[in-house]
């Protein structure tokens, strides 16, 4: 079974940067579509960014121009570079993977989540 392990969360001041990492097990990682989601207290889980196995990307409107998703298929890694962080970005961030279709519709595997806190 595929396992996703996340790291990189923490506390950062508004306007600062943070990079989240997610490492996946399994040699079929290169064919998986990957994505990042987040959930703040009292709010629904929302889509943040996605990247296909071919490298095409898609972003939620609120993070366009600030966040960048990327992947390294050799190292079985996916990243989320977050710049210009705002207090409203504070949430638990999850890494997700699917072996087929859109990550927005289907999520076969989830990471444990990593906390991102942005102070004023």
N, C-alpha and C. Protein backbone atom coordinates (compact mmCIF):
# COMPACT_ATOMS: atom_id res chain seq x y z
N UNK A 1 0.84 -1.18 0.00
CA UNK A 1 0.00 0.00 0.00
C UNK A 1 0.88 1.25 0.00
N UNK A 2 0.44 2.29 -0.69
CA UNK A 2 1.19 3.53 -0.78
C UNK A 2 1.13 4.27 0.54
N UNK A 3 2.27 4.79 0.97
CA UNK A 3 2.36 5.57 2.18
C UNK A 3 2.88 6.96 1.87
N UNK A 4 2.23 7.98 2.42
CA UNK A 4 2.64 9.36 2.24
C UNK A 4 3.08 9.93 3.58
N UNK A 5 4.28 10.49 3.62
CA UNK A 5 4.83 11.08 4.83
C UNK A 5 5.19 12.53 4.58
N UNK A 6 4.60 13.43 5.37
CA UNK A 6 4.77 14.86 5.17
C UNK A 6 5.72 15.47 6.18
N UNK A 7 6.28 16.62 5.81
CA UNK A 7 7.14 17.38 6.70
C UNK A 7 7.19 18.83 6.22
N UNK A 8 7.73 19.71 7.06
CA UNK A 8 7.93 21.10 6.66
C UNK A 8 6.99 22.11 7.28
N UNK A 9 5.96 21.66 7.97
CA UNK A 9 5.04 22.58 8.61
C UNK A 9 5.68 23.27 9.79
N UNK A 10 5.08 24.37 10.22
CA UNK A 10 5.61 25.10 11.35
C UNK A 10 4.97 26.46 11.51
N UNK A 11 5.62 27.29 12.31
CA UNK A 11 5.15 28.64 12.59
C UNK A 11 5.98 29.65 11.80
N UNK A 12 5.30 30.56 11.12
CA UNK A 12 5.99 31.58 10.33
C UNK A 12 5.24 32.90 10.44
N UNK A 13 5.96 34.00 10.34
CA UNK A 13 5.36 35.32 10.39
C UNK A 13 4.69 35.68 9.06
N UNK A 14 3.65 36.49 9.10
CA UNK A 14 2.97 36.93 7.89
C UNK A 14 3.96 37.53 6.90
N UNK A 15 3.83 37.14 5.63
CA UNK A 15 4.74 37.59 4.60
C UNK A 15 5.92 36.67 4.38
N UNK A 16 6.08 35.71 5.25
CA UNK A 16 7.19 34.78 5.17
C UNK A 16 6.92 33.63 4.24
N UNK A 17 7.86 32.68 4.20
CA UNK A 17 7.78 31.54 3.30
C UNK A 17 7.95 30.23 4.06
N UNK A 18 7.42 29.18 3.45
CA UNK A 18 7.52 27.85 4.03
C UNK A 18 7.43 26.84 2.89
N UNK A 19 8.15 25.74 3.00
CA UNK A 19 8.08 24.68 1.99
C UNK A 19 7.66 23.37 2.63
N UNK A 20 6.58 22.80 2.13
CA UNK A 20 6.10 21.51 2.59
C UNK A 20 6.61 20.41 1.67
N UNK A 21 6.92 19.26 2.25
CA UNK A 21 7.40 18.12 1.49
C UNK A 21 6.55 16.90 1.77
N UNK A 22 6.45 16.02 0.78
CA UNK A 22 5.71 14.78 0.93
C UNK A 22 6.45 13.70 0.16
N UNK A 23 6.85 12.65 0.86
CA UNK A 23 7.53 11.53 0.23
C UNK A 23 6.58 10.35 0.14
N UNK A 24 6.56 9.69 -1.00
CA UNK A 24 5.64 8.58 -1.24
C UNK A 24 6.41 7.28 -1.46
N UNK A 25 5.87 6.21 -0.93
CA UNK A 25 6.44 4.89 -1.15
C UNK A 25 5.88 4.30 -2.44
N UNK A 26 6.54 3.28 -2.96
CA UNK A 26 6.07 2.64 -4.16
C UNK A 26 6.75 3.12 -5.42
N UNK A 27 7.08 2.21 -6.29
CA UNK A 27 7.80 2.57 -7.51
C UNK A 27 6.88 3.08 -8.61
N UNK A 28 5.57 3.08 -8.37
CA UNK A 28 4.61 3.59 -9.35
C UNK A 28 4.27 5.06 -9.13
N UNK A 29 5.00 5.73 -8.23
CA UNK A 29 4.73 7.11 -7.90
C UNK A 29 4.72 8.02 -9.12
N UNK A 30 5.60 7.77 -10.06
CA UNK A 30 5.73 8.64 -11.22
C UNK A 30 4.47 8.72 -12.07
N UNK A 31 3.58 7.75 -11.94
CA UNK A 31 2.34 7.74 -12.71
C UNK A 31 1.15 8.28 -11.92
N UNK A 32 1.36 8.67 -10.67
CA UNK A 32 0.29 9.16 -9.81
C UNK A 32 0.09 10.66 -9.98
N UNK A 33 -1.16 11.09 -9.89
CA UNK A 33 -1.47 12.51 -9.78
C UNK A 33 -1.44 12.89 -8.30
N UNK A 34 -0.88 14.06 -8.00
CA UNK A 34 -0.68 14.47 -6.62
C UNK A 34 -1.36 15.81 -6.34
N UNK A 35 -1.65 16.05 -5.06
CA UNK A 35 -2.28 17.31 -4.70
C UNK A 35 -2.09 17.66 -3.24
N UNK A 36 -2.34 18.93 -2.94
CA UNK A 36 -2.32 19.43 -1.57
C UNK A 36 -3.70 20.00 -1.23
N UNK A 37 -4.17 19.68 -0.04
CA UNK A 37 -5.42 20.20 0.50
C UNK A 37 -5.15 20.80 1.87
N UNK A 38 -6.06 21.63 2.36
CA UNK A 38 -5.90 22.19 3.69
C UNK A 38 -7.25 22.32 4.38
N UNK A 39 -7.21 22.33 5.70
CA UNK A 39 -8.42 22.48 6.48
C UNK A 39 -8.14 23.31 7.73
N UNK A 40 -8.87 24.40 7.88
CA UNK A 40 -8.77 25.26 9.04
C UNK A 40 -9.89 24.92 10.01
N UNK A 41 -9.72 25.22 11.30
CA UNK A 41 -10.76 24.93 12.29
C UNK A 41 -12.09 25.56 11.92
N UNK A 42 -13.16 24.76 11.96
CA UNK A 42 -14.49 25.25 11.66
C UNK A 42 -14.79 25.41 10.18
N UNK A 43 -13.86 25.02 9.31
CA UNK A 43 -14.06 25.16 7.88
C UNK A 43 -13.93 23.81 7.18
N UNK A 44 -14.49 23.73 5.97
CA UNK A 44 -14.38 22.52 5.17
C UNK A 44 -12.98 22.37 4.60
N UNK A 45 -12.60 21.14 4.32
CA UNK A 45 -11.33 20.90 3.67
C UNK A 45 -11.40 21.45 2.25
N UNK A 46 -10.37 22.17 1.83
CA UNK A 46 -10.38 22.79 0.53
C UNK A 46 -9.15 22.43 -0.29
N UNK A 47 -9.32 22.46 -1.59
CA UNK A 47 -8.24 22.19 -2.52
C UNK A 47 -7.26 23.35 -2.55
N UNK A 48 -5.98 23.04 -2.64
CA UNK A 48 -4.94 24.06 -2.70
C UNK A 48 -4.21 24.04 -4.04
N UNK A 49 -3.64 22.89 -4.39
CA UNK A 49 -2.86 22.78 -5.62
C UNK A 49 -2.77 21.33 -6.05
N UNK A 50 -2.56 21.12 -7.35
CA UNK A 50 -2.45 19.77 -7.89
C UNK A 50 -1.40 19.72 -8.98
N UNK A 51 -0.82 18.55 -9.17
CA UNK A 51 0.15 18.33 -10.24
C UNK A 51 -0.02 16.91 -10.77
N UNK A 52 -0.11 16.79 -12.09
CA UNK A 52 -0.28 15.48 -12.71
C UNK A 52 1.07 14.79 -12.86
N UNK A 53 1.03 13.54 -13.27
CA UNK A 53 2.27 12.78 -13.43
C UNK A 53 3.10 13.32 -14.58
N UNK A 54 2.47 14.09 -15.48
CA UNK A 54 3.18 14.72 -16.59
C UNK A 54 3.67 16.12 -16.25
N UNK A 55 3.28 16.64 -15.08
CA UNK A 55 3.77 17.93 -14.63
C UNK A 55 2.82 19.11 -14.79
N UNK A 56 1.62 18.88 -15.29
CA UNK A 56 0.64 19.96 -15.40
C UNK A 56 0.16 20.36 -14.01
N UNK A 57 -0.02 21.66 -13.77
CA UNK A 57 -0.41 22.15 -12.45
C UNK A 57 -1.72 22.91 -12.47
N UNK A 58 -2.36 22.98 -11.30
CA UNK A 58 -3.59 23.72 -11.12
C UNK A 58 -3.64 24.23 -9.69
N UNK A 59 -4.12 25.47 -9.51
CA UNK A 59 -4.14 26.11 -8.21
C UNK A 59 -5.50 26.67 -7.86
N UNK A 60 -5.81 26.67 -6.56
CA UNK A 60 -6.97 27.36 -6.07
C UNK A 60 -6.71 28.86 -6.22
N UNK A 61 -7.75 29.61 -6.56
CA UNK A 61 -7.60 31.03 -6.88
C UNK A 61 -6.94 31.84 -5.77
N UNK A 62 -7.20 31.50 -4.53
CA UNK A 62 -6.70 32.28 -3.41
C UNK A 62 -5.19 32.17 -3.21
N UNK A 63 -4.55 31.17 -3.82
CA UNK A 63 -3.11 30.99 -3.64
C UNK A 63 -2.32 31.20 -4.92
N UNK A 64 -2.99 31.50 -6.01
CA UNK A 64 -2.30 31.73 -7.28
C UNK A 64 -1.32 32.89 -7.16
N UNK A 65 -0.10 32.67 -7.64
CA UNK A 65 0.93 33.69 -7.57
C UNK A 65 1.74 33.64 -6.30
N UNK A 66 1.30 32.87 -5.32
CA UNK A 66 2.00 32.76 -4.04
C UNK A 66 2.54 31.35 -3.78
N UNK A 67 1.76 30.34 -4.16
CA UNK A 67 2.15 28.95 -3.91
C UNK A 67 2.59 28.27 -5.21
N UNK A 68 3.53 27.35 -5.09
CA UNK A 68 4.01 26.58 -6.24
C UNK A 68 4.12 25.11 -5.87
N UNK A 69 3.47 24.26 -6.65
CA UNK A 69 3.57 22.82 -6.44
C UNK A 69 4.55 22.24 -7.45
N UNK A 70 5.35 21.29 -7.01
CA UNK A 70 6.31 20.64 -7.89
C UNK A 70 6.52 19.20 -7.44
N UNK A 71 7.19 18.42 -8.28
CA UNK A 71 7.45 17.02 -7.93
C UNK A 71 8.78 16.56 -8.48
N UNK A 72 9.33 15.56 -7.83
CA UNK A 72 10.57 14.92 -8.24
C UNK A 72 10.27 13.43 -8.28
N UNK A 73 10.04 12.90 -9.47
CA UNK A 73 9.65 11.50 -9.62
C UNK A 73 10.78 10.52 -9.31
N UNK A 74 12.02 10.99 -9.43
CA UNK A 74 13.16 10.14 -9.10
C UNK A 74 13.23 9.89 -7.60
N UNK A 75 12.94 10.94 -6.82
CA UNK A 75 12.99 10.85 -5.37
C UNK A 75 11.63 10.54 -4.74
N UNK A 76 10.60 10.39 -5.57
CA UNK A 76 9.24 10.13 -5.08
C UNK A 76 8.78 11.23 -4.12
N UNK A 77 9.02 12.48 -4.51
CA UNK A 77 8.70 13.62 -3.65
C UNK A 77 7.77 14.60 -4.36
N UNK A 78 6.93 15.25 -3.58
CA UNK A 78 6.11 16.35 -4.05
C UNK A 78 6.27 17.49 -3.05
N UNK A 79 6.30 18.73 -3.55
CA UNK A 79 6.55 19.88 -2.70
C UNK A 79 5.47 20.94 -2.87
N UNK A 80 5.33 21.77 -1.85
CA UNK A 80 4.48 22.94 -1.93
C UNK A 80 5.27 24.12 -1.37
N UNK A 81 5.76 24.97 -2.26
CA UNK A 81 6.46 26.17 -1.85
C UNK A 81 5.45 27.28 -1.62
N UNK A 82 5.42 27.83 -0.41
CA UNK A 82 4.45 28.84 -0.03
C UNK A 82 5.17 30.15 0.27
N UNK A 83 4.87 31.18 -0.51
CA UNK A 83 5.44 32.50 -0.33
C UNK A 83 4.34 33.50 -0.01
N UNK A 84 4.73 34.62 0.58
CA UNK A 84 3.76 35.65 0.93
C UNK A 84 2.63 35.13 1.79
N UNK A 85 2.96 34.35 2.79
CA UNK A 85 1.95 33.72 3.64
C UNK A 85 1.12 34.74 4.41
N UNK A 86 -0.16 34.44 4.55
CA UNK A 86 -1.11 35.28 5.26
C UNK A 86 -1.70 34.51 6.43
N UNK A 87 -2.18 35.22 7.46
CA UNK A 87 -2.79 34.54 8.60
C UNK A 87 -3.92 33.59 8.19
N UNK A 88 -4.66 33.93 7.15
CA UNK A 88 -5.75 33.07 6.68
C UNK A 88 -5.27 31.78 6.02
N UNK A 89 -3.96 31.66 5.80
CA UNK A 89 -3.39 30.42 5.29
C UNK A 89 -3.19 29.39 6.39
N UNK A 90 -3.38 29.80 7.63
CA UNK A 90 -3.23 28.89 8.76
C UNK A 90 -4.20 27.73 8.64
N UNK A 91 -3.67 26.51 8.63
CA UNK A 91 -4.50 25.32 8.46
C UNK A 91 -3.65 24.07 8.59
N UNK A 92 -4.31 22.93 8.62
CA UNK A 92 -3.64 21.64 8.56
C UNK A 92 -3.57 21.26 7.09
N UNK A 93 -2.37 21.08 6.58
CA UNK A 93 -2.16 20.79 5.16
C UNK A 93 -1.94 19.30 4.93
N UNK A 94 -2.65 18.76 3.94
CA UNK A 94 -2.60 17.33 3.62
C UNK A 94 -2.06 17.08 2.23
N UNK A 95 -1.24 16.07 2.10
CA UNK A 95 -0.77 15.58 0.81
C UNK A 95 -1.68 14.43 0.39
N UNK A 96 -2.05 14.38 -0.89
CA UNK A 96 -2.92 13.33 -1.39
C UNK A 96 -2.42 12.81 -2.73
N UNK A 97 -2.81 11.57 -3.04
CA UNK A 97 -2.40 10.94 -4.28
C UNK A 97 -3.53 10.11 -4.85
N UNK A 98 -3.58 10.03 -6.18
CA UNK A 98 -4.52 9.16 -6.85
C UNK A 98 -3.84 8.50 -8.04
N UNK A 99 -4.19 7.26 -8.30
CA UNK A 99 -3.56 6.52 -9.39
C UNK A 99 -4.24 6.75 -10.73
N UNK A 100 -5.35 7.48 -10.72
CA UNK A 100 -6.04 7.77 -11.96
C UNK A 100 -7.07 8.86 -11.79
N UNK A 101 -7.30 9.63 -12.85
CA UNK A 101 -8.28 10.69 -12.82
C UNK A 101 -7.79 11.93 -12.10
N UNK A 102 -8.72 12.86 -11.89
CA UNK A 102 -8.40 14.12 -11.23
C UNK A 102 -8.30 13.95 -9.72
N UNK A 103 -7.28 14.55 -9.12
CA UNK A 103 -7.11 14.52 -7.67
C UNK A 103 -8.24 15.26 -6.98
N UNK A 104 -8.91 16.15 -7.69
CA UNK A 104 -10.04 16.89 -7.14
C UNK A 104 -11.25 15.98 -6.92
N UNK A 105 -11.33 14.91 -7.69
CA UNK A 105 -12.46 14.00 -7.63
C UNK A 105 -12.15 12.74 -6.83
N UNK A 106 -10.94 12.24 -6.98
CA UNK A 106 -10.55 10.98 -6.36
C UNK A 106 -9.23 11.09 -5.62
N UNK A 107 -9.22 10.67 -4.39
CA UNK A 107 -8.01 10.65 -3.57
C UNK A 107 -7.85 9.23 -3.00
N UNK A 108 -6.89 8.48 -3.52
CA UNK A 108 -6.69 7.10 -3.08
C UNK A 108 -5.88 7.02 -1.79
N UNK A 109 -5.00 7.99 -1.56
CA UNK A 109 -4.13 7.98 -0.40
C UNK A 109 -3.98 9.38 0.17
N UNK A 110 -3.82 9.44 1.51
CA UNK A 110 -3.65 10.69 2.22
C UNK A 110 -2.45 10.64 3.15
N UNK A 111 -1.81 11.79 3.32
CA UNK A 111 -0.77 11.92 4.33
C UNK A 111 -1.41 12.18 5.67
N UNK A 112 -0.60 12.29 6.71
CA UNK A 112 -1.10 12.49 8.06
C UNK A 112 -1.47 13.94 8.35
N UNK A 113 -1.01 14.86 7.52
CA UNK A 113 -1.26 16.27 7.71
C UNK A 113 -0.12 16.95 8.45
N UNK A 114 0.18 18.18 8.07
CA UNK A 114 1.21 18.96 8.75
C UNK A 114 0.66 20.36 9.01
N UNK A 115 0.86 20.85 10.23
CA UNK A 115 0.27 22.12 10.64
C UNK A 115 1.09 23.31 10.16
N UNK A 116 0.41 24.27 9.56
CA UNK A 116 1.01 25.54 9.15
C UNK A 116 0.31 26.66 9.90
N UNK A 117 1.07 27.43 10.65
CA UNK A 117 0.52 28.54 11.42
C UNK A 117 1.21 29.83 11.02
N UNK A 118 0.43 30.82 10.61
CA UNK A 118 0.97 32.11 10.17
C UNK A 118 0.52 33.18 11.15
N UNK A 119 1.48 33.83 11.80
CA UNK A 119 1.18 34.86 12.78
C UNK A 119 1.13 36.23 12.13
N UNK A 120 0.43 37.17 12.78
CA UNK A 120 0.29 38.53 12.26
C UNK A 120 1.56 39.33 12.46
